[in-house]
Amino acid sequence: MWLQRLHQKKDEISGKGFLAAYLADKYMLGQGQQGWQQVQQAYKKSDRNQFFTELRKFLRETGYIK
């Protein structure tokens, strides 16, 4: 559902923030690995490596990744 919404409203929302929220939810559900696969498929911009590094750091610092 999250990813469908992202594709539908790509111009109206911040893709990075949306993907971060999606991935945090997946971690809370015990589905972090599946969430990463979906995020990596959805985010193809040139800054993806930096974004993924920063996102992983954020999720650790906020307790989503234990």
Protein backbone atom coordinates (compact mmCIF):
# COMPACT_ATOMS: atom_id res chain seq x y z
CA MET A 1 0.00 0.00 0.00
CA TRP A 2 2.76 2.46 0.91
CA LEU A 3 4.64 1.88 -2.30
CA GLN A 4 1.50 2.15 -4.41
CA ARG A 5 0.80 5.51 -2.80
CA LEU A 6 4.36 6.60 -3.46
CA HIS A 7 4.03 5.86 -7.14
CA GLN A 8 0.63 7.57 -7.37
CA LYS A 9 1.64 10.74 -5.55
CA LYS A 10 5.32 10.95 -6.45
CA ASP A 11 5.18 14.68 -7.18
CA GLU A 12 3.16 15.57 -4.08
CA ILE A 13 5.25 13.96 -1.34
CA SER A 14 8.82 13.67 -0.23
CA GLY A 15 9.92 10.29 -1.52
CA LYS A 16 12.72 9.94 1.00
CA GLY A 17 10.54 10.70 4.00
CA PHE A 18 7.84 8.42 2.73
CA LEU A 19 10.28 5.55 2.22
CA ALA A 20 11.80 6.13 5.66
CA ALA A 21 8.36 5.87 7.26
CA TYR A 22 7.55 2.77 5.23
CA LEU A 23 10.79 1.09 6.27
CA ALA A 24 10.33 2.03 9.93
CA ASP A 25 6.88 0.42 9.81
CA LYS A 26 8.34 -2.72 8.24
CA TYR A 27 10.91 -2.97 11.04
CA MET A 28 8.17 -2.60 13.64
CA LEU A 29 6.38 -5.52 11.97
CA GLY A 30 9.54 -7.64 11.99
CA GLN A 31 9.85 -7.35 8.22
CA GLY A 32 12.92 -5.15 7.91
CA GLN A 33 14.67 -7.24 5.28
CA GLN A 34 11.60 -7.30 3.05
CA GLY A 35 11.22 -3.56 3.59
CA TRP A 36 14.78 -2.90 2.42
CA GLN A 37 14.18 -4.90 -0.74
CA GLN A 38 11.10 -2.83 -1.53
CA VAL A 39 12.84 0.47 -0.76
CA GLN A 40 15.82 -0.45 -2.93
CA GLN A 41 13.49 -1.31 -5.80
CA ALA A 42 11.54 1.93 -5.41
CA TYR A 43 14.38 4.43 -4.96
CA LYS A 44 16.60 4.69 -8.04
CA LYS A 45 17.95 8.25 -7.82
CA SER A 46 21.68 8.93 -8.17
CA ASP A 47 22.08 9.61 -4.43
CA ARG A 48 20.68 6.21 -3.45
CA ASN A 49 23.86 4.89 -1.78
CA GLN A 50 24.14 7.97 0.41
CA PHE A 51 20.41 7.92 1.16
CA PHE A 52 20.48 4.24 2.14
CA THR A 53 23.49 4.81 4.42
CA GLU A 54 21.81 7.77 6.11
CA LEU A 55 18.51 5.91 6.38
CA ARG A 56 20.15 2.89 8.01
CA LYS A 57 21.94 5.20 10.48
CA PHE A 58 18.67 6.99 11.29
CA LEU A 59 16.82 3.71 11.86
CA ARG A 60 19.58 2.51 14.22
CA GLU A 61 19.70 5.79 16.16
CA THR A 62 15.94 5.82 16.61
CA GLY A 63 15.74 2.18 17.69
CA TYR A 64 14.04 0.62 14.70
CA ILE A 65 17.12 -1.46 13.90
CA LYS A 66 18.31 -3.25 17.00
